[in-house]
Amino acid sequence: MKNNIDFYQHYADADEHPKFKMLRVKFGWAGEGKFWALNNRIAQAENCCLDISKKYNRAAIASDLDFSMDELDEFLNCLLDDCELVKKCPDGKITTDIIQENFNRVMSDREKARERAARRWPKQTSASPEKKDISPEKVCKVKESKVNNNPPLPPPSGGNGYSKSFLDWYELYPEKKGKGAAYKSWQKIGKKGIVTPKELMAAIAAQVKANHFRGRDGQDYIPNPSTWLNQNR
């Protein structure tokens, strides 16, 4: 049974909490966006607890969040100590309350689904080998999957290993940062078949035209391309 989650919910007014205001005082709205990007990586980790004990793990996170190593350490210390938005797991890894709430609920649902499947398809005897492949874990996996009619994003075909559709989208994106990380996010979305390249192109074109990234103070607040993709913006 899977020990992480692919989706999580959070409160729509979360940004109004004093903890998030504290985060924005130090790192701005970009810091809040990077916090949710960090949540995405925690959600994908085993038991939804992210290992930051090894230097290469921290380097990977720093690269994804567009931080230097020192900037990442400062960011994590702020989240742990000042804002209390991140907490330590018993084994020293890190997680967040919102991820753990979702993880516990999902694991409970998976266990109930497994028990229902076990009752419906009891263990087969050796006299019926052709039915042995029907297992509770496979049934749970089918129940968790989502019907998706969108075709996956195409494989790389453009320059430097990037697909042409990604390069076309990246050319439109107003902030040229973290191209490699953005392409990883692009490929991840493609594997899930969430949206088509055409829909992504239309979305960013419409947002740029509508000055979507312009704040009330007249300043642009543009997330990194990978953040835009990871958070389904």
Protein backbone atom coordinates (compact mmCIF):
# COMPACT_ATOMS: atom_id res chain seq x y z
CA MET A 1 0.00 0.00 0.00
CA LYS A 2 1.32 3.44 -0.92
CA ASN A 3 2.83 5.48 1.91
CA ASN A 4 2.49 8.96 0.41
CA ILE A 5 -0.18 11.10 -1.26
CA ASP A 6 -0.73 12.56 -4.73
CA PHE A 7 -3.22 15.24 -3.68
CA TYR A 8 -3.91 17.32 -0.58
CA GLN A 9 -6.35 20.02 0.46
CA HIS A 10 -5.73 23.18 2.44
CA TYR A 11 -7.86 26.04 3.74
CA ALA A 12 -8.61 28.84 1.28
CA ASP A 13 -7.89 31.49 3.93
CA ALA A 14 -4.58 29.94 5.02
CA ASP A 15 -2.64 33.00 3.83
CA GLU A 16 -4.46 35.15 6.41
CA HIS A 17 -2.98 33.21 9.33
CA PRO A 18 -0.29 35.10 11.33
CA LYS A 19 2.19 32.32 10.57
CA PHE A 20 1.95 33.02 6.84
CA LYS A 21 2.11 36.76 7.40
CA MET A 22 5.30 36.19 9.36
CA LEU A 23 6.68 34.18 6.43
CA ARG A 24 5.79 36.93 3.94
CA VAL A 25 7.42 39.62 6.09
CA LYS A 26 10.74 37.86 5.61
CA PHE A 27 10.43 36.22 2.18
CA GLY A 28 7.48 37.94 0.48
CA TRP A 29 4.80 36.16 -1.52
CA ALA A 30 7.53 34.20 -3.27
CA GLY A 31 8.35 32.62 0.10
CA GLU A 32 4.76 31.47 0.52
CA GLY A 33 4.81 29.94 -2.95
CA LYS A 34 8.03 28.11 -2.12
CA PHE A 35 6.47 26.84 1.10
CA TRP A 36 3.69 25.15 -0.91
CA ALA A 37 6.27 23.79 -3.35
CA LEU A 38 8.07 22.28 -0.35
CA ASN A 39 4.75 20.77 0.77
CA ASN A 40 4.49 19.07 -2.64
CA ARG A 41 7.81 17.35 -2.08
CA ILE A 42 6.86 16.35 1.47
CA ALA A 43 3.62 14.82 0.14
CA GLN A 44 5.62 12.64 -2.28
CA ALA A 45 8.08 11.44 0.39
CA GLU A 46 7.78 8.14 2.27
CA ASN A 47 5.21 8.54 5.06
CA CYS A 48 5.04 12.19 3.98
CA CYS A 49 8.22 12.97 5.92
CA LEU A 50 11.02 14.56 3.88
CA ASP A 51 14.63 13.62 4.61
CA ILE A 52 16.86 16.71 4.76
CA SER A 53 19.68 15.10 6.75
CA LYS A 54 21.82 14.43 3.68
CA LYS A 55 23.50 17.30 1.88
CA TYR A 56 22.54 16.07 -1.59
CA ASN A 57 18.88 15.94 -0.56
CA ARG A 58 19.03 19.55 0.59
CA ALA A 59 20.85 20.49 -2.62
CA ALA A 60 18.03 18.96 -4.70
CA ILE A 61 15.42 20.87 -2.71
CA ALA A 62 17.43 24.10 -2.97
CA SER A 63 17.62 23.65 -6.75
CA ASP A 64 13.87 23.04 -7.04
CA LEU A 65 13.04 26.08 -4.90
CA ASP A 66 15.63 28.29 -6.62
CA PHE A 67 17.65 28.78 -3.42
CA SER A 68 21.33 28.59 -2.62
CA MET A 69 22.21 26.09 0.12
CA ASP A 70 22.59 28.88 2.69
CA GLU A 71 19.29 30.46 1.60
CA LEU A 72 17.53 27.10 1.93
CA ASP A 73 18.87 26.61 5.46
CA GLU A 74 17.68 30.11 6.40
CA PHE A 75 14.26 29.39 4.85
CA LEU A 76 13.88 26.07 6.69
CA ASN A 77 14.94 27.60 10.01
CA CYS A 78 12.31 30.32 9.55
CA LEU A 79 9.63 27.72 8.80
CA LEU A 80 10.64 25.56 11.78
CA ASP A 81 11.35 28.15 14.45
CA ASP A 82 9.78 31.51 13.58
CA CYS A 83 6.65 30.57 11.61
CA GLU A 84 6.14 27.03 12.98
CA LEU A 85 4.78 25.97 9.59
CA VAL A 86 7.12 22.97 9.39
CA LYS A 87 7.81 20.44 12.13
CA LYS A 88 10.24 17.60 12.75
CA CYS A 89 9.18 13.97 12.42
CA PRO A 90 10.34 11.55 15.14
CA ASP A 91 13.21 10.40 12.89
CA GLY A 92 14.42 13.95 12.24
CA LYS A 93 12.78 14.36 8.86
CA ILE A 94 10.39 17.25 8.23
CA THR A 95 6.66 17.44 7.53
CA THR A 96 3.75 19.86 7.90
CA ASP A 97 0.45 19.65 9.75
CA ILE A 98 -1.61 20.07 6.58
CA ILE A 99 0.21 17.22 4.84
CA GLN A 100 -0.08 14.91 7.84
CA GLU A 101 -3.81 15.63 8.20
CA ASN A 102 -4.35 14.68 4.56
CA PHE A 103 -1.99 11.70 4.79
CA ASN A 104 -3.77 10.22 7.83
CA ARG A 105 -7.15 10.60 6.15
CA VAL A 106 -5.97 9.04 2.89
CA MET A 107 -4.27 6.12 4.64
CA SER A 108 -7.46 5.44 6.61
CA ASP A 109 -9.48 5.45 3.39
CA ARG A 110 -6.97 3.14 1.71
CA GLU A 111 -7.10 0.69 4.60
CA LYS A 112 -10.89 0.62 4.51
CA ALA A 113 -10.79 0.05 0.75
CA ARG A 114 -8.30 -2.78 1.23
CA GLU A 115 -10.52 -4.42 3.83
CA ARG A 116 -13.57 -4.13 1.57
CA ALA A 117 -11.62 -5.65 -1.30
CA ALA A 118 -10.39 -8.49 0.91
CA ARG A 119 -13.97 -9.32 1.88
CA ARG A 120 -15.14 -9.14 -1.71
CA TRP A 121 -12.28 -11.16 -3.18
CA PRO A 122 -11.11 -13.63 -0.52
CA LYS A 123 -7.76 -15.34 -0.99
CA GLN A 124 -7.88 -17.82 -3.87
CA THR A 125 -6.85 -21.45 -3.46
CA SER A 126 -4.20 -23.13 -5.58
CA ALA A 127 -7.01 -24.70 -7.61
CA SER A 128 -7.69 -21.31 -9.24
CA PRO A 129 -4.25 -19.96 -10.23
CA GLU A 130 -5.71 -17.76 -12.94
CA LYS A 131 -7.38 -15.60 -10.25
CA LYS A 132 -4.33 -15.08 -8.05
CA ASP A 133 -3.53 -11.71 -9.62
CA ILE A 134 -6.63 -10.16 -8.06
CA SER A 135 -5.23 -8.65 -4.84
CA PRO A 136 -6.57 -6.00 -2.44
CA GLU A 137 -3.58 -3.76 -3.25
CA LYS A 138 -4.38 -3.85 -6.98
CA VAL A 139 -8.04 -3.17 -6.29
CA CYS A 140 -7.10 -0.16 -4.13
CA LYS A 141 -4.85 1.12 -6.88
CA VAL A 142 -7.68 0.92 -9.38
CA LYS A 143 -10.05 2.71 -7.00
CA GLU A 144 -7.55 5.51 -6.47
CA SER A 145 -6.90 6.07 -10.18
CA LYS A 146 -8.79 8.81 -11.99
CA VAL A 147 -10.36 8.57 -15.42
CA ASN A 148 -8.49 10.90 -17.70
CA ASN A 149 -9.23 11.63 -21.33
CA ASN A 150 -6.35 14.06 -21.86
CA PRO A 151 -3.41 12.60 -23.81
CA PRO A 152 -0.01 12.73 -22.07
CA LEU A 153 2.53 15.39 -22.98
CA PRO A 154 4.83 14.28 -25.82
CA PRO A 155 8.35 12.93 -25.19
CA PRO A 156 11.38 15.23 -25.58
CA SER A 157 11.99 16.28 -29.14
CA GLY A 158 13.32 19.86 -28.89
CA GLY A 159 16.79 21.23 -28.30
CA ASN A 160 18.87 20.07 -25.31
CA GLY A 161 16.43 17.26 -24.53
CA TYR A 162 13.40 19.53 -24.02
CA SER A 163 10.18 18.85 -25.88
CA LYS A 164 9.10 21.44 -28.44
CA SER A 165 5.78 22.01 -26.65
CA PHE A 166 7.65 22.80 -23.41
CA LEU A 167 10.04 25.19 -25.15
CA ASP A 168 7.09 27.01 -26.75
CA TRP A 169 5.41 27.34 -23.34
CA TYR A 170 8.65 28.38 -21.59
CA GLU A 171 9.19 31.09 -24.21
CA LEU A 172 5.83 32.63 -23.23
CA TYR A 173 6.46 32.38 -19.48
CA PRO A 174 7.46 35.83 -18.13
CA GLU A 175 10.07 34.57 -15.62
CA LYS A 176 12.98 32.58 -17.13
CA LYS A 177 14.24 30.72 -14.05
CA GLY A 178 14.80 27.08 -13.17
CA LYS A 179 14.29 25.71 -16.68
CA GLY A 180 15.42 22.21 -15.70
CA ALA A 181 13.12 22.09 -12.67
CA ALA A 182 10.25 23.41 -14.77
CA TYR A 183 10.74 20.67 -17.34
CA LYS A 184 10.68 18.02 -14.60
CA SER A 185 7.32 19.43 -13.47
CA TRP A 186 6.15 19.54 -17.10
CA GLN A 187 7.02 15.85 -17.55
CA LYS A 188 5.34 14.93 -14.26
CA ILE A 189 2.12 16.61 -15.36
CA GLY A 190 2.45 14.87 -18.71
CA LYS A 191 2.70 11.44 -17.09
CA LYS A 192 -0.44 12.12 -15.10
CA GLY A 193 -2.23 13.47 -18.18
CA ILE A 194 -3.75 16.31 -16.16
CA VAL A 195 -3.82 18.84 -18.99
CA THR A 196 -2.63 19.07 -22.57
CA PRO A 197 0.24 21.28 -23.84
CA LYS A 198 -2.35 23.33 -25.73
CA GLU A 199 -4.24 24.07 -22.50
CA LEU A 200 -1.04 25.09 -20.72
CA MET A 201 -0.11 27.42 -23.58
CA ALA A 202 -3.57 29.00 -23.51
CA ALA A 203 -3.43 29.46 -19.73
CA ILE A 204 -0.09 31.28 -19.60
CA ALA A 205 -0.93 33.37 -22.67
CA ALA A 206 -4.19 34.52 -21.06
CA GLN A 207 -2.50 35.32 -17.73
CA VAL A 208 0.26 37.34 -19.35
CA LYS A 209 -2.24 39.27 -21.46
CA ALA A 210 -4.42 40.02 -18.41
CA ASN A 211 -1.46 41.23 -16.29
CA HIS A 212 -2.25 38.36 -13.92
CA PHE A 213 1.12 38.68 -12.21
CA ARG A 214 0.82 42.40 -11.44
CA GLY A 215 0.12 43.09 -7.75
CA ARG A 216 -1.84 45.97 -6.25
CA ASP A 217 1.36 47.89 -5.63
CA GLY A 218 2.22 47.74 -9.33
CA GLN A 219 4.98 45.19 -8.80
CA ASP A 220 5.12 41.86 -10.59
CA TYR A 221 4.86 38.74 -8.43
CA ILE A 222 5.87 35.93 -10.74
CA PRO A 223 6.43 32.42 -9.35
CA ASN A 224 9.14 30.22 -10.82
CA PRO A 225 7.89 28.22 -13.81
CA SER A 226 8.12 24.95 -11.83
CA THR A 227 6.03 26.46 -9.02
CA TRP A 228 3.37 27.60 -11.52
CA LEU A 229 3.14 24.06 -12.88
CA ASN A 230 3.37 22.20 -9.54
CA GLN A 231 0.61 24.29 -7.97
CA ASN A 232 -1.70 24.01 -11.00
CA ARG A 233 -1.83 27.78 -11.38
